[in-house]
Amino acid sequence: MTRLIARDLREVVEVVWTVTLGFEVLDAVGSLPPPAASTWCGCVRVVGGWSGLVKLSMAEVLARQAAAVMFGAPPESLSNDDLIDALGELTNVTGGNVKALLPGPSQLSLPSVVAGADLAHVAPGESVLCEVAFQTGGSQIRAQVVEGPGAANWSDASSPRTGLYVQR
């Protein structure tokens, strides 16, 4: 099993959100987890010296706030495609930084984004290597690093029970 500590993952995600977006990142205490009906999850596969996934999950309202900063537009004016592009890019940047902390050489896939309610993905042999939760804007962000051979095939195997699945 690869060793990645929560402090490393938190630092990566904090830097991405503070430097890229200018958001203040706080402990998850007192934050609201993503509502089941509007959870957005970005995922990127890492394949090579280490195989697995890097995932970011948040409420639609937070994905919309992040996209608004990235596109310089009012949150209510953004389309689902804008949210997909923004969350995909945040996941890609996060995944690239996490990949640098793991055994290599490895390659990063294009990001995938899932949105909806009651999302679930389980692949045989996968395990959560590291997970952190924190908040910004009163909403919670959850970052996970999942390892295992099944995790590397997420984009073809994932099928949310309800929601939107897009791979870009």
Protein backbone atom coordinates (compact mmCIF):
# COMPACT_ATOMS: atom_id res chain seq x y z
CA MET A 1 0.00 0.00 0.00
CA THR A 2 1.19 3.48 -0.89
CA ARG A 3 1.58 6.01 1.88
CA LEU A 4 -0.09 9.39 1.45
CA ILE A 5 -0.98 11.28 4.60
CA ALA A 6 -4.02 13.49 5.08
CA ARG A 7 -1.81 16.52 5.69
CA ASP A 8 -0.30 16.17 2.19
CA LEU A 9 -3.71 15.84 0.53
CA ARG A 10 -5.14 18.74 2.50
CA GLU A 11 -2.17 20.92 1.55
CA VAL A 12 -2.62 20.14 -2.15
CA VAL A 13 -6.34 20.93 -2.10
CA GLU A 14 -5.82 24.06 0.02
CA VAL A 15 -3.25 25.44 -2.42
CA VAL A 16 -5.49 24.75 -5.42
CA TRP A 17 -8.48 26.49 -3.83
CA THR A 18 -6.61 29.45 -2.32
CA VAL A 19 -4.19 30.16 -5.19
CA THR A 20 -6.48 29.36 -8.12
CA LEU A 21 -9.73 30.73 -6.71
CA GLY A 22 -8.80 32.92 -3.76
CA PHE A 23 -11.13 30.99 -1.43
CA GLU A 24 -10.39 30.63 2.28
CA VAL A 25 -10.17 26.95 3.29
CA LEU A 26 -11.27 26.02 6.82
CA ASP A 27 -11.76 22.83 8.82
CA ALA A 28 -14.93 20.93 7.95
CA VAL A 29 -16.42 21.47 11.42
CA GLY A 30 -19.64 23.42 11.05
CA SER A 31 -19.78 23.03 7.28
CA LEU A 32 -22.71 21.56 5.45
CA PRO A 33 -22.06 18.35 3.53
CA PRO A 34 -23.21 18.35 -0.09
CA PRO A 35 -26.99 17.82 -0.29
CA ALA A 36 -27.77 14.38 -1.68
CA ALA A 37 -29.79 15.88 -4.53
CA SER A 38 -27.04 18.13 -5.86
CA THR A 39 -23.67 16.51 -5.33
CA TRP A 40 -20.99 17.09 -7.96
CA CYS A 41 -17.93 14.83 -8.10
CA GLY A 42 -14.86 15.34 -10.25
CA CYS A 43 -12.54 12.40 -10.79
CA VAL A 44 -9.24 11.83 -12.52
CA ARG A 45 -7.46 8.50 -12.97
CA VAL A 46 -3.76 7.97 -12.30
CA VAL A 47 -2.21 4.98 -14.07
CA GLY A 48 1.39 3.78 -14.02
CA GLY A 49 3.71 3.33 -11.06
CA TRP A 50 0.61 3.89 -8.94
CA SER A 51 -2.98 3.26 -10.08
CA GLY A 52 -6.06 4.84 -8.63
CA LEU A 53 -8.34 7.88 -8.53
CA VAL A 54 -8.33 11.40 -7.17
CA LYS A 55 -11.87 12.63 -6.45
CA LEU A 56 -13.35 15.98 -5.36
CA SER A 57 -16.99 16.12 -4.16
CA MET A 58 -19.04 19.19 -3.31
CA ALA A 59 -22.49 20.73 -3.44
CA GLU A 60 -23.63 22.29 -6.70
CA VAL A 61 -23.70 25.72 -5.03
CA LEU A 62 -19.96 25.50 -4.31
CA ALA A 63 -19.14 24.16 -7.79
CA ARG A 64 -21.11 27.13 -9.15
CA GLN A 65 -19.19 29.62 -6.93
CA ALA A 66 -15.86 28.17 -8.08
CA ALA A 67 -16.92 28.28 -11.75
CA ALA A 68 -18.07 31.89 -11.33
CA VAL A 69 -14.58 32.88 -10.18
CA MET A 70 -12.90 30.88 -12.94
CA PHE A 71 -15.11 32.33 -15.72
CA GLY A 72 -15.58 35.80 -14.24
CA ALA A 73 -19.36 35.49 -14.54
CA PRO A 74 -22.31 35.59 -12.14
CA PRO A 75 -22.99 32.14 -10.64
CA GLU A 76 -26.61 32.09 -11.82
CA SER A 77 -25.56 32.69 -15.44
CA LEU A 78 -23.45 29.52 -15.67
CA SER A 79 -24.57 26.38 -17.48
CA ASN A 80 -23.98 22.78 -16.42
CA ASP A 81 -21.23 22.65 -19.06
CA ASP A 82 -19.49 25.55 -17.29
CA LEU A 83 -19.70 23.70 -13.96
CA ILE A 84 -18.36 20.52 -15.58
CA ASP A 85 -15.44 22.42 -17.12
CA ALA A 86 -14.59 24.19 -13.85
CA LEU A 87 -14.82 21.11 -11.62
CA GLY A 88 -12.94 19.06 -14.21
CA GLU A 89 -10.11 21.60 -14.20
CA LEU A 90 -9.97 21.78 -10.39
CA THR A 91 -9.89 17.98 -10.25
CA ASN A 92 -7.20 17.83 -12.92
CA VAL A 93 -4.95 20.31 -11.10
CA THR A 94 -5.53 18.51 -7.79
CA GLY A 95 -4.85 15.12 -9.39
CA GLY A 96 -1.63 16.34 -11.00
CA ASN A 97 -0.33 17.61 -7.68
CA VAL A 98 -1.32 14.39 -5.87
CA LYS A 99 0.29 12.31 -8.64
CA ALA A 100 3.59 14.06 -7.92
CA LEU A 101 3.43 12.68 -4.35
CA LEU A 102 2.87 9.06 -5.44
CA PRO A 103 5.19 6.45 -6.97
CA GLY A 104 5.75 7.01 -10.67
CA PRO A 105 6.08 7.34 -13.46
CA SER A 106 2.34 7.71 -13.90
CA GLN A 107 -0.07 9.37 -16.28
CA LEU A 108 -3.19 11.37 -15.56
CA SER A 109 -6.44 10.79 -17.47
CA LEU A 110 -8.77 13.50 -18.62
CA PRO A 111 -11.14 14.45 -15.79
CA SER A 112 -14.67 13.05 -15.50
CA VAL A 113 -17.55 14.72 -13.69
CA VAL A 114 -20.63 13.09 -12.16
CA ALA A 115 -23.57 15.06 -10.79
CA GLY A 116 -26.80 13.93 -9.22
CA ALA A 117 -28.31 12.20 -6.23
CA ASP A 118 -27.39 8.99 -4.45
CA LEU A 119 -24.08 8.65 -6.29
CA ALA A 120 -22.17 5.44 -5.70
CA HIS A 121 -19.07 3.88 -7.17
CA VAL A 122 -17.44 0.75 -5.88
CA ALA A 123 -14.80 -1.20 -7.78
CA PRO A 124 -13.45 -4.58 -6.68
CA GLY A 125 -10.16 -4.30 -4.85
CA GLU A 126 -10.21 -0.54 -4.37
CA SER A 127 -9.61 1.16 -1.06
CA VAL A 128 -9.57 4.74 0.16
CA LEU A 129 -5.93 5.63 0.67
CA CYS A 130 -6.57 9.10 2.03
CA GLU A 131 -9.58 11.38 2.56
CA VAL A 132 -9.96 14.93 3.83
CA ALA A 133 -12.92 17.24 4.24
CA PHE A 134 -12.88 20.98 4.69
CA GLN A 135 -15.11 23.95 4.01
CA THR A 136 -15.19 27.13 2.08
CA GLY A 137 -18.15 29.45 1.74
CA GLY A 138 -20.06 27.42 4.35
CA SER A 139 -20.10 24.35 2.12
CA GLN A 140 -18.03 21.19 2.40
CA ILE A 141 -15.45 19.82 -0.02
CA ARG A 142 -14.37 16.20 0.26
CA ALA A 143 -11.17 15.01 -1.42
CA GLN A 144 -10.36 11.31 -1.74
CA VAL A 145 -7.45 9.35 -3.10
CA VAL A 146 -8.55 5.80 -3.94
CA GLU A 147 -6.13 3.07 -4.94
CA GLY A 148 -6.53 -0.29 -6.56
CA PRO A 149 -6.84 -1.86 -9.98
CA GLY A 150 -10.61 -1.30 -10.21
CA ALA A 151 -10.25 2.37 -9.35
CA ALA A 152 -8.20 2.99 -12.48
CA ASN A 153 -11.18 2.02 -14.68
CA TRP A 154 -13.66 4.43 -13.09
CA SER A 155 -14.75 6.38 -16.16
CA ASP A 156 -16.14 3.32 -17.94
CA ALA A 157 -17.51 1.58 -14.85
CA SER A 158 -19.22 4.44 -13.05
CA SER A 159 -22.92 4.69 -13.42
CA PRO A 160 -24.68 6.99 -10.99
CA ARG A 161 -28.12 5.83 -9.94
CA THR A 162 -29.52 9.23 -10.81
CA GLY A 163 -27.65 12.09 -12.32
CA LEU A 164 -25.41 13.21 -15.10
CA TYR A 165 -22.21 11.50 -16.13
CA VAL A 166 -19.87 13.33 -18.44
CA GLN A 167 -16.33 12.56 -19.47
CA ARG A 168 -14.41 15.34 -21.17
